[in-house]
Structure formats: structure tokens, C-alpha cells
């Protein structure tokens, strides 16, 4: 178990990374630059001078396996192999062998016991810990949402493996409870049992923006479409869920409509 393991990186995959980078630059303000690493092209996304994620092209092998354009979150751990072994013992499943990225770190694509995928990561040379950017800083990930195969089972898993804790449950009628969870001392996201029409469990990441309505209009002008919202949520924030021009689901959140 790794106590208070947090999301440390967000990775995007689609067929046209150049177009995707241009889309997100216009919509949420990310700066994109090539990583300069050998091998397949990898684009680094930054908020100011703070790198927060990356983009890479879907490989033919991934497309053949049915992997769609998507966002995936990295959870930081001290030891990837030990974390994978713990995950398997708790009912999770690896989606392939762990691998090393030279001079970057070791990672493993895994799924929780209800089937939602994410990536375990340990850096080769951990950088000095930087303070978190203030909550709501445009371009940062402001909320992490899990549509689980079974919320209670999923929450018990993440709590046991990573030390995440329950904040509050919000009743949602026939959909059951929406559980807000904490990582360390902050509200980090929410979990619920996925709706029956959702084909698989998954994590959804909400990008903080200055004003939701303007960001949604920018996204639509660049070819995205809205699938849920905009709507106000408890606490006064506004959210919207959209499909980007490449076909990947993403979401945005703001305190300002």
C-alpha cells in the first residue's frame, strides 16, 4: 500500500497529436512542446512552466486492441512492481508488463477491480517536490471522477491501496451515492457506479478553466461537442463534459459560469 498516492500526470492518446495539441491550446491554454526523447514522438503539455501531462499517438497495436482516443491518469507510487503485486492481490489486473522509460521512470498500465484503467508510475530521479498550483488555476486538473463498475468496491480498493479517504456521500436517487474522496488534505474527486449504458468503467478528468461558458464555446468552435451540461454542481462550481474532435471524452470545471 502507498499512502496518499496522488495523480501525478495525465496522458492523452489519439491519432492526430498535432491537431489535438492545437485544440487544447486554444480551449484550455496549455502550451505544447516536443519532449525531445528518442523513439515515438511525445508532446509535453504545460501550465506556464509546470508540465502536467503528455500526448502520444495511438499505436496500430492499441487501435487493433480497441483502445479509443482517451485520457489516462498516472498515480505516483514508490515502487511500481510492488504496487502491481498489491493491486493483483486486491483483485485488480495488469494490462501489460511494467516497463522502463529511460531517464524518466517505470510504469505499468493497470485496471482496478471494477475495470477502470490507470497507470502506476515511479520516476527514476524524483524531482524536488513543488507546491501544488492553487486550486482552480486554469489549465490544472481540478477534479478526478470515477465511473466505477461498483462504487463501494472501487472506493474500498483505492482507500486500501493508496490511502484515499471518504469525504462525503451525495445521494443521487436511482444512481446511488456520489462519493467525494480526499487525497491527503484536499477534496480530489468523486466516484459513482457507472450508468448501465456506459460500456466500461473509466476515469474522467476535469480541466479548470477561467469561465465555463466561454471555454465550452471555444471547444465547440474547434469541433468538440457537448455530451453533458453545462450544469451547476453542489458547492457552486459549473461543469461540462465534451467529446473532443479526435473522439476523446474530456471535461471542464469552473467557479464561474
C-alpha atoms as a PDB file:
ATOM      1  CA  UNK A   1       0.000   0.000   0.000  1.00  0.00           C
ATOM      2  CA  UNK A   2       1.218   3.521  -0.821  1.00  0.00           C
ATOM      3  CA  UNK A   3      -0.416   6.046   1.466  1.00  0.00           C
ATOM      4  CA  UNK A   4      -1.841   9.162  -0.194  1.00  0.00           C
ATOM      5  CA  UNK A   5      -0.586   8.226  -3.661  1.00  0.00           C
ATOM      6  CA  UNK A   6      -1.746  11.071  -5.883  1.00  0.00           C
ATOM      7  CA  UNK A   7      -2.354  11.707  -9.550  1.00  0.00           C
ATOM      8  CA  UNK A   8       0.947  12.978 -10.930  1.00  0.00           C
ATOM      9  CA  UNK A   9       0.467  13.036 -14.738  1.00  0.00           C
ATOM     10  CA  UNK A  10      -2.252  12.890 -17.379  1.00  0.00           C
ATOM     11  CA  UNK A  11      -1.721  11.282 -20.775  1.00  0.00           C
ATOM     12  CA  UNK A  12      -3.679  11.691 -23.971  1.00  0.00           C
ATOM     13  CA  UNK A  13      -3.709   9.313 -26.924  1.00  0.00           C
ATOM     14  CA  UNK A  14      -5.311   9.814 -30.340  1.00  0.00           C
ATOM     15  CA  UNK A  15      -4.395   9.507 -34.000  1.00  0.00           C
ATOM     16  CA  UNK A  16      -3.542  13.183 -34.647  1.00  0.00           C
ATOM     17  CA  UNK A  17      -1.485  14.613 -31.786  1.00  0.00           C
ATOM     18  CA  UNK A  18      -0.625  17.836 -33.588  1.00  0.00           C
ATOM     19  CA  UNK A  19      -4.298  18.660 -34.082  1.00  0.00           C
ATOM     20  CA  UNK A  20      -5.132  17.632 -30.510  1.00  0.00           C
ATOM     21  CA  UNK A  21      -2.384  19.846 -29.081  1.00  0.00           C
ATOM     22  CA  UNK A  22      -3.670  22.806 -31.086  1.00  0.00           C
ATOM     23  CA  UNK A  23      -7.233  22.137 -29.891  1.00  0.00           C
ATOM     24  CA  UNK A  24      -6.366  22.061 -26.198  1.00  0.00           C
ATOM     25  CA  UNK A  25      -4.067  25.073 -26.520  1.00  0.00           C
ATOM     26  CA  UNK A  26      -6.989  27.108 -27.826  1.00  0.00           C
ATOM     27  CA  UNK A  27      -9.552  25.732 -25.380  1.00  0.00           C
ATOM     28  CA  UNK A  28      -7.709  25.458 -22.045  1.00  0.00           C
ATOM     29  CA  UNK A  29      -4.462  27.325 -22.724  1.00  0.00           C
ATOM     30  CA  UNK A  30      -1.937  24.503 -22.490  1.00  0.00           C
ATOM     31  CA  UNK A  31       1.487  25.026 -24.010  1.00  0.00           C
ATOM     32  CA  UNK A  32       2.716  22.058 -26.055  1.00  0.00           C
ATOM     33  CA  UNK A  33       6.274  21.145 -26.953  1.00  0.00           C
ATOM     34  CA  UNK A  34       8.089  18.049 -28.143  1.00  0.00           C
ATOM     35  CA  UNK A  35       9.737  16.091 -25.339  1.00  0.00           C
ATOM     36  CA  UNK A  36      12.935  15.574 -27.309  1.00  0.00           C
ATOM     37  CA  UNK A  37      13.043  11.940 -26.210  1.00  0.00           C
ATOM     38  CA  UNK A  38      14.172   9.252 -28.661  1.00  0.00           C
ATOM     39  CA  UNK A  39      11.545   6.923 -30.062  1.00  0.00           C
ATOM     40  CA  UNK A  40       7.935   7.757 -30.873  1.00  0.00           C
ATOM     41  CA  UNK A  41       7.028  11.438 -30.679  1.00  0.00           C
ATOM     42  CA  UNK A  42       5.844  12.574 -27.258  1.00  0.00           C
ATOM     43  CA  UNK A  43       4.369  16.025 -26.642  1.00  0.00           C
ATOM     44  CA  UNK A  44       4.611  17.662 -23.205  1.00  0.00           C
ATOM     45  CA  UNK A  45       1.693  19.809 -22.018  1.00  0.00           C
ATOM     46  CA  UNK A  46       2.377  22.642 -19.590  1.00  0.00           C
ATOM     47  CA  UNK A  47       0.567  25.225 -17.488  1.00  0.00           C
ATOM     48  CA  UNK A  48       3.013  28.115 -17.520  1.00  0.00           C
ATOM     49  CA  UNK A  49       6.325  26.462 -16.689  1.00  0.00           C
ATOM     50  CA  UNK A  50       4.724  23.464 -14.942  1.00  0.00           C
ATOM     51  CA  UNK A  51       4.464  20.264 -17.013  1.00  0.00           C
ATOM     52  CA  UNK A  52       1.210  18.470 -16.221  1.00  0.00           C
ATOM     53  CA  UNK A  53       0.799  15.839 -18.932  1.00  0.00           C
ATOM     54  CA  UNK A  54       1.698  14.445 -22.303  1.00  0.00           C
ATOM     55  CA  UNK A  55       0.342  13.331 -25.652  1.00  0.00           C
ATOM     56  CA  UNK A  56       1.258  10.391 -27.836  1.00  0.00           C
ATOM     57  CA  UNK A  57      -0.167   8.757 -30.931  1.00  0.00           C
ATOM     58  CA  UNK A  58      -2.308   5.642 -30.688  1.00  0.00           C
ATOM     59  CA  UNK A  59      -0.182   2.786 -31.996  1.00  0.00           C
ATOM     60  CA  UNK A  60      -1.573   0.270 -34.517  1.00  0.00           C
ATOM     61  CA  UNK A  61      -1.391  -2.357 -31.760  1.00  0.00           C
ATOM     62  CA  UNK A  62      -3.517  -0.268 -29.387  1.00  0.00           C
ATOM     63  CA  UNK A  63      -6.033   0.531 -32.128  1.00  0.00           C
ATOM     64  CA  UNK A  64      -6.231  -3.162 -33.018  1.00  0.00           C
ATOM     65  CA  UNK A  65      -6.909  -3.899 -29.343  1.00  0.00           C
ATOM     66  CA  UNK A  66      -9.839  -1.492 -29.455  1.00  0.00           C
ATOM     67  CA  UNK A  67      -8.300   1.349 -27.430  1.00  0.00           C
ATOM     68  CA  UNK A  68     -10.116   4.569 -28.416  1.00  0.00           C
ATOM     69  CA  UNK A  69      -8.803   8.135 -28.199  1.00  0.00           C
ATOM     70  CA  UNK A  70      -8.663   8.767 -24.461  1.00  0.00           C
ATOM     71  CA  UNK A  71      -7.185  10.423 -21.391  1.00  0.00           C
ATOM     72  CA  UNK A  72      -5.467   8.282 -18.731  1.00  0.00           C
ATOM     73  CA  UNK A  73      -4.250   9.308 -15.284  1.00  0.00           C
ATOM     74  CA  UNK A  74      -0.929   8.347 -13.675  1.00  0.00           C
ATOM     75  CA  UNK A  75      -0.885   7.545  -9.949  1.00  0.00           C
ATOM     76  CA  UNK A  76       2.523   8.041  -8.342  1.00  0.00           C
ATOM     77  CA  UNK A  77       3.903   5.207  -6.214  1.00  0.00           C
ATOM     78  CA  UNK A  78       7.264   4.422  -4.631  1.00  0.00           C
ATOM     79  CA  UNK A  79       7.706   1.020  -6.291  1.00  0.00           C
ATOM     80  CA  UNK A  80       5.746   0.089  -9.408  1.00  0.00           C
ATOM     81  CA  UNK A  81       6.346  -3.661  -9.177  1.00  0.00           C
ATOM     82  CA  UNK A  82       5.300  -3.800  -5.539  1.00  0.00           C
ATOM     83  CA  UNK A  83       2.228  -1.677  -6.330  1.00  0.00           C
ATOM     84  CA  UNK A  84       1.242  -4.012  -9.182  1.00  0.00           C
ATOM     85  CA  UNK A  85       1.627  -7.058  -6.931  1.00  0.00           C
ATOM     86  CA  UNK A  86      -0.538  -5.390  -4.286  1.00  0.00           C
ATOM     87  CA  UNK A  87      -3.121  -4.430  -6.899  1.00  0.00           C
ATOM     88  CA  UNK A  88      -3.333  -8.011  -8.216  1.00  0.00           C
ATOM     89  CA  UNK A  89      -3.729  -9.380  -4.680  1.00  0.00           C
ATOM     90  CA  UNK A  90      -6.625  -6.924  -4.194  1.00  0.00           C
ATOM     91  CA  UNK A  91      -8.428  -8.003  -7.368  1.00  0.00           C
ATOM     92  CA  UNK A  92      -7.033  -5.524  -9.886  1.00  0.00           C
ATOM     93  CA  UNK A  93      -5.421  -6.546 -13.147  1.00  0.00           C
ATOM     94  CA  UNK A  94      -2.314  -5.511 -15.101  1.00  0.00           C
ATOM     95  CA  UNK A  95      -2.933  -4.522 -18.729  1.00  0.00           C
ATOM     96  CA  UNK A  96       0.595  -5.499 -19.750  1.00  0.00           C
ATOM     97  CA  UNK A  97       4.060  -5.855 -18.250  1.00  0.00           C
ATOM     98  CA  UNK A  98       5.653  -2.981 -16.372  1.00  0.00           C
ATOM     99  CA  UNK A  99       8.222  -1.120 -18.443  1.00  0.00           C
ATOM    100  CA  UNK A 100      11.010   1.394 -18.043  1.00  0.00           C
ATOM    101  CA  UNK A 101      11.179   4.711 -19.893  1.00  0.00           C
ATOM    102  CA  UNK A 102      14.911   5.589 -19.954  1.00  0.00           C
ATOM    103  CA  UNK A 103      15.774   8.530 -17.693  1.00  0.00           C
ATOM    104  CA  UNK A 104      12.068   9.045 -16.909  1.00  0.00           C
ATOM    105  CA  UNK A 105      10.721   6.223 -14.774  1.00  0.00           C
ATOM    106  CA  UNK A 106       8.952   2.893 -14.572  1.00  0.00           C
ATOM    107  CA  UNK A 107       5.258   2.469 -15.303  1.00  0.00           C
ATOM    108  CA  UNK A 108       2.537  -0.131 -15.579  1.00  0.00           C
ATOM    109  CA  UNK A 109      -0.917   0.132 -17.136  1.00  0.00           C
ATOM    110  CA  UNK A 110      -3.426  -1.458 -14.756  1.00  0.00           C
ATOM    111  CA  UNK A 111      -7.133  -1.625 -14.002  1.00  0.00           C
ATOM    112  CA  UNK A 112      -8.927  -1.516 -10.674  1.00  0.00           C
ATOM    113  CA  UNK A 113     -11.102  -4.481  -9.622  1.00  0.00           C
ATOM    114  CA  UNK A 114     -14.136  -2.969 -11.390  1.00  0.00           C
ATOM    115  CA  UNK A 115     -12.269  -2.451 -14.678  1.00  0.00           C
ATOM    116  CA  UNK A 116     -11.255   1.240 -14.787  1.00  0.00           C
ATOM    117  CA  UNK A 117      -7.784   1.731 -16.274  1.00  0.00           C
ATOM    118  CA  UNK A 118      -4.998   3.963 -14.963  1.00  0.00           C
ATOM    119  CA  UNK A 119      -1.195   3.930 -14.852  1.00  0.00           C
ATOM    120  CA  UNK A 120       1.138   3.348 -11.917  1.00  0.00           C
ATOM    121  CA  UNK A 121       4.330   5.401 -12.119  1.00  0.00           C
ATOM    122  CA  UNK A 122       7.582   5.839 -10.198  1.00  0.00           C
ATOM    123  CA  UNK A 123      10.125   8.384 -11.503  1.00  0.00           C
ATOM    124  CA  UNK A 124      13.746   7.383 -12.000  1.00  0.00           C
ATOM    125  CA  UNK A 125      15.009  10.536 -10.290  1.00  0.00           C
ATOM    126  CA  UNK A 126      12.197  12.111  -8.281  1.00  0.00           C
ATOM    127  CA  UNK A 127      12.330  15.893  -8.771  1.00  0.00           C
ATOM    128  CA  UNK A 128      12.184  18.241  -5.790  1.00  0.00           C
ATOM    129  CA  UNK A 129       8.577  18.407  -4.654  1.00  0.00           C
ATOM    130  CA  UNK A 130       6.909  21.583  -5.868  1.00  0.00           C
ATOM    131  CA  UNK A 131       3.923  23.137  -4.120  1.00  0.00           C
ATOM    132  CA  UNK A 132       0.629  22.392  -5.786  1.00  0.00           C
ATOM    133  CA  UNK A 133      -0.665  25.148  -8.008  1.00  0.00           C
ATOM    134  CA  UNK A 134      -3.626  26.890  -6.320  1.00  0.00           C
ATOM    135  CA  UNK A 135      -6.946  25.091  -6.702  1.00  0.00           C
ATOM    136  CA  UNK A 136      -8.797  26.331  -9.753  1.00  0.00           C
ATOM    137  CA  UNK A 137      -5.674  27.541 -11.588  1.00  0.00           C
ATOM    138  CA  UNK A 138      -6.711  27.488 -15.272  1.00  0.00           C
ATOM    139  CA  UNK A 139      -5.192  24.512 -17.057  1.00  0.00           C
ATOM    140  CA  UNK A 140      -4.759  22.333 -13.986  1.00  0.00           C
ATOM    141  CA  UNK A 141      -6.843  19.217 -13.381  1.00  0.00           C
ATOM    142  CA  UNK A 142      -9.467  20.353 -10.901  1.00  0.00           C
ATOM    143  CA  UNK A 143     -11.432  17.135 -10.351  1.00  0.00           C
ATOM    144  CA  UNK A 144     -10.978  13.379 -10.841  1.00  0.00           C
ATOM    145  CA  UNK A 145     -14.160  11.384 -11.422  1.00  0.00           C
ATOM    146  CA  UNK A 146     -14.503   7.617 -11.473  1.00  0.00           C
ATOM    147  CA  UNK A 147     -17.438   5.895 -13.134  1.00  0.00           C
ATOM    148  CA  UNK A 148     -16.870   2.530 -11.481  1.00  0.00           C
ATOM    149  CA  UNK A 149     -18.324  -0.879 -12.122  1.00  0.00           C
ATOM    150  CA  UNK A 150     -19.270  -0.802  -8.436  1.00  0.00           C
ATOM    151  CA  UNK A 151     -18.572   2.340  -6.424  1.00  0.00           C
ATOM    152  CA  UNK A 152     -18.294   0.747  -2.989  1.00  0.00           C
ATOM    153  CA  UNK A 153     -15.941  -1.955  -4.265  1.00  0.00           C
ATOM    154  CA  UNK A 154     -13.838   0.604  -6.135  1.00  0.00           C
ATOM    155  CA  UNK A 155     -13.625   3.014  -3.206  1.00  0.00           C
ATOM    156  CA  UNK A 156     -12.562   0.221  -0.819  1.00  0.00           C
ATOM    157  CA  UNK A 157      -9.807  -0.684  -3.276  1.00  0.00           C
ATOM    158  CA  UNK A 158      -8.406   2.840  -3.686  1.00  0.00           C
ATOM    159  CA  UNK A 159      -8.655   3.504   0.040  1.00  0.00           C
ATOM    160  CA  UNK A 160      -6.745   0.320   0.862  1.00  0.00           C
ATOM    161  CA  UNK A 161      -4.131   0.655  -1.885  1.00  0.00           C
ATOM    162  CA  UNK A 162      -3.440   4.387  -1.768  1.00  0.00           C
ATOM    163  CA  UNK A 163      -4.845   5.783   1.452  1.00  0.00           C
ATOM    164  CA  UNK A 164      -7.595   7.848  -0.170  1.00  0.00           C
ATOM    165  CA  UNK A 165     -10.367   8.726   2.272  1.00  0.00           C
ATOM    166  CA  UNK A 166     -14.095   9.354   2.184  1.00  0.00           C
ATOM    167  CA  UNK A 167     -15.221  12.948   2.432  1.00  0.00           C
ATOM    168  CA  UNK A 168     -18.994  12.876   1.889  1.00  0.00           C
ATOM    169  CA  UNK A 169     -21.670  10.910   0.058  1.00  0.00           C
ATOM    170  CA  UNK A 170     -24.216  12.753  -2.073  1.00  0.00           C
ATOM    171  CA  UNK A 171     -27.428  10.801  -2.771  1.00  0.00           C
ATOM    172  CA  UNK A 172     -28.303  10.625  -6.465  1.00  0.00           C
ATOM    173  CA  UNK A 173     -31.606   8.763  -6.379  1.00  0.00           C
ATOM    174  CA  UNK A 174     -31.649   5.643  -8.522  1.00  0.00           C
ATOM    175  CA  UNK A 175     -27.980   6.189  -9.409  1.00  0.00           C
ATOM    176  CA  UNK A 176     -26.959   5.601  -5.794  1.00  0.00           C
ATOM    177  CA  UNK A 177     -24.358   7.681  -3.976  1.00  0.00           C
ATOM    178  CA  UNK A 178     -21.759  10.016  -5.407  1.00  0.00           C
ATOM    179  CA  UNK A 179     -18.774   9.709  -3.074  1.00  0.00           C
ATOM    180  CA  UNK A 180     -16.434  12.663  -2.777  1.00  0.00           C
ATOM    181  CA  UNK A 181     -12.976  11.428  -1.809  1.00  0.00           C
ATOM    182  CA  UNK A 182      -9.872  13.072  -0.435  1.00  0.00           C
ATOM    183  CA  UNK A 183      -6.216  12.571  -1.289  1.00  0.00           C
ATOM    184  CA  UNK A 184      -4.214  13.857   1.633  1.00  0.00           C
ATOM    185  CA  UNK A 185      -5.801  17.055   2.884  1.00  0.00           C
ATOM    186  CA  UNK A 186      -7.819  18.010  -0.196  1.00  0.00           C
ATOM    187  CA  UNK A 187     -11.037  17.038  -1.933  1.00  0.00           C
ATOM    188  CA  UNK A 188      -9.671  15.394  -5.071  1.00  0.00           C
ATOM    189  CA  UNK A 189     -12.686  13.965  -6.858  1.00  0.00           C
ATOM    190  CA  UNK A 190     -15.753  11.783  -6.796  1.00  0.00           C
ATOM    191  CA  UNK A 191     -16.828   8.225  -7.526  1.00  0.00           C
ATOM    192  CA  UNK A 192     -20.117   6.661  -8.534  1.00  0.00           C
ATOM    193  CA  UNK A 193     -21.339   3.398 -10.017  1.00  0.00           C
ATOM    194  CA  UNK A 194     -21.451   3.885 -13.760  1.00  0.00           C
ATOM    195  CA  UNK A 195     -24.738   4.065 -15.606  1.00  0.00           C
ATOM    196  CA  UNK A 196     -25.789   0.892 -17.427  1.00  0.00           C
ATOM    197  CA  UNK A 197     -25.426   2.484 -20.858  1.00  0.00           C
ATOM    198  CA  UNK A 198     -21.742   3.258 -20.252  1.00  0.00           C
ATOM    199  CA  UNK A 199     -19.806   0.426 -21.921  1.00  0.00           C
ATOM    200  CA  UNK A 200     -16.883   0.278 -19.475  1.00  0.00           C
ATOM    201  CA  UNK A 201     -15.780   1.813 -16.164  1.00  0.00           C
ATOM    202  CA  UNK A 202     -13.440   4.784 -16.610  1.00  0.00           C
ATOM    203  CA  UNK A 203     -11.777   7.814 -15.060  1.00  0.00           C
ATOM    204  CA  UNK A 204     -12.757  11.294 -16.288  1.00  0.00           C
ATOM    205  CA  UNK A 205     -10.581  14.369 -15.678  1.00  0.00           C
ATOM    206  CA  UNK A 206     -11.898  17.928 -15.349  1.00  0.00           C
ATOM    207  CA  UNK A 207      -9.670  20.767 -16.532  1.00  0.00           C
ATOM    208  CA  UNK A 208     -10.059  24.014 -14.586  1.00  0.00           C
ATOM    209  CA  UNK A 209     -10.935  26.990 -16.796  1.00  0.00           C
ATOM    210  CA  UNK A 210     -11.479  30.680 -16.116  1.00  0.00           C
ATOM    211  CA  UNK A 211     -15.136  30.732 -17.234  1.00  0.00           C
ATOM    212  CA  UNK A 212     -17.040  27.629 -18.286  1.00  0.00           C
ATOM    213  CA  UNK A 213     -19.351  29.124 -20.905  1.00  0.00           C
ATOM    214  CA  UNK A 214     -16.534  30.778 -22.834  1.00  0.00           C
ATOM    215  CA  UNK A 215     -14.424  27.616 -22.718  1.00  0.00           C
ATOM    216  CA  UNK A 216     -17.314  25.490 -23.972  1.00  0.00           C
ATOM    217  CA  UNK A 217     -17.872  27.898 -26.864  1.00  0.00           C
ATOM    218  CA  UNK A 218     -14.168  27.796 -27.755  1.00  0.00           C
ATOM    219  CA  UNK A 219     -14.295  23.990 -27.740  1.00  0.00           C
ATOM    220  CA  UNK A 220     -17.397  23.866 -29.934  1.00  0.00           C
ATOM    221  CA  UNK A 221     -15.869  26.353 -32.366  1.00  0.00           C
ATOM    222  CA  UNK A 222     -12.915  23.961 -32.737  1.00  0.00           C
ATOM    223  CA  UNK A 223     -15.095  20.926 -33.432  1.00  0.00           C
ATOM    224  CA  UNK A 224     -15.921  19.487 -29.997  1.00  0.00           C
ATOM    225  CA  UNK A 225     -19.445  18.549 -28.968  1.00  0.00           C
ATOM    226  CA  UNK A 226     -21.157  18.723 -25.591  1.00  0.00           C
ATOM    227  CA  UNK A 227     -22.477  15.475 -24.122  1.00  0.00           C
ATOM    228  CA  UNK A 228     -23.482  16.601 -20.596  1.00  0.00           C
ATOM    229  CA  UNK A 229     -24.057  20.049 -19.119  1.00  0.00           C
ATOM    230  CA  UNK A 230     -23.237  22.773 -18.592  1.00  0.00           C
ATOM    231  CA  UNK A 231     -24.617  22.322 -15.110  1.00  0.00           C
ATOM    232  CA  UNK A 232     -24.061  23.712 -11.641  1.00  0.00           C
ATOM    233  CA  UNK A 233     -22.928  21.198  -9.025  1.00  0.00           C
ATOM    234  CA  UNK A 234     -23.070  21.354  -5.210  1.00  0.00           C
ATOM    235  CA  UNK A 235     -20.528  23.862  -3.967  1.00  0.00           C
ATOM    236  CA  UNK A 236     -21.273  26.327  -6.745  1.00  0.00           C
ATOM    237  CA  UNK A 237     -18.932  25.076  -9.476  1.00  0.00           C
ATOM    238  CA  UNK A 238     -20.028  24.635 -13.090  1.00  0.00           C
ATOM    239  CA  UNK A 239     -19.079  21.603 -15.188  1.00  0.00           C
ATOM    240  CA  UNK A 240     -19.399  20.388 -18.748  1.00  0.00           C
ATOM    241  CA  UNK A 241     -18.461  17.070 -20.380  1.00  0.00           C
ATOM    242  CA  UNK A 242     -17.471  17.061 -24.039  1.00  0.00           C
ATOM    243  CA  UNK A 243     -16.080  14.908 -26.847  1.00  0.00           C
ATOM    244  CA  UNK A 244     -13.029  16.483 -28.476  1.00  0.00           C
ATOM    245  CA  UNK A 245     -12.518  16.480 -32.273  1.00  0.00           C
ATOM    246  CA  UNK A 246     -10.453  13.283 -32.027  1.00  0.00           C
ATOM    247  CA  UNK A 247     -13.219  11.444 -30.175  1.00  0.00           C
ATOM    248  CA  UNK A 248     -11.831  11.573 -26.612  1.00  0.00           C
ATOM    249  CA  UNK A 249     -14.080  12.400 -23.667  1.00  0.00           C
ATOM    250  CA  UNK A 250     -12.906  15.316 -21.529  1.00  0.00           C
ATOM    251  CA  UNK A 251     -14.487  17.688 -19.024  1.00  0.00           C
ATOM    252  CA  UNK A 252     -14.047  21.210 -17.700  1.00  0.00           C
ATOM    253  CA  UNK A 253     -14.858  22.876 -14.395  1.00  0.00           C
ATOM    254  CA  UNK A 254     -15.015  26.483 -13.221  1.00  0.00           C
ATOM    255  CA  UNK A 255     -16.368  28.523 -10.348  1.00  0.00           C
ATOM    256  CA  UNK A 256     -17.630  30.973 -12.975  1.00  0.00           C
ATOM    257  CA  UNK A 257     -20.463  30.212 -15.390  1.00  0.00           C
END
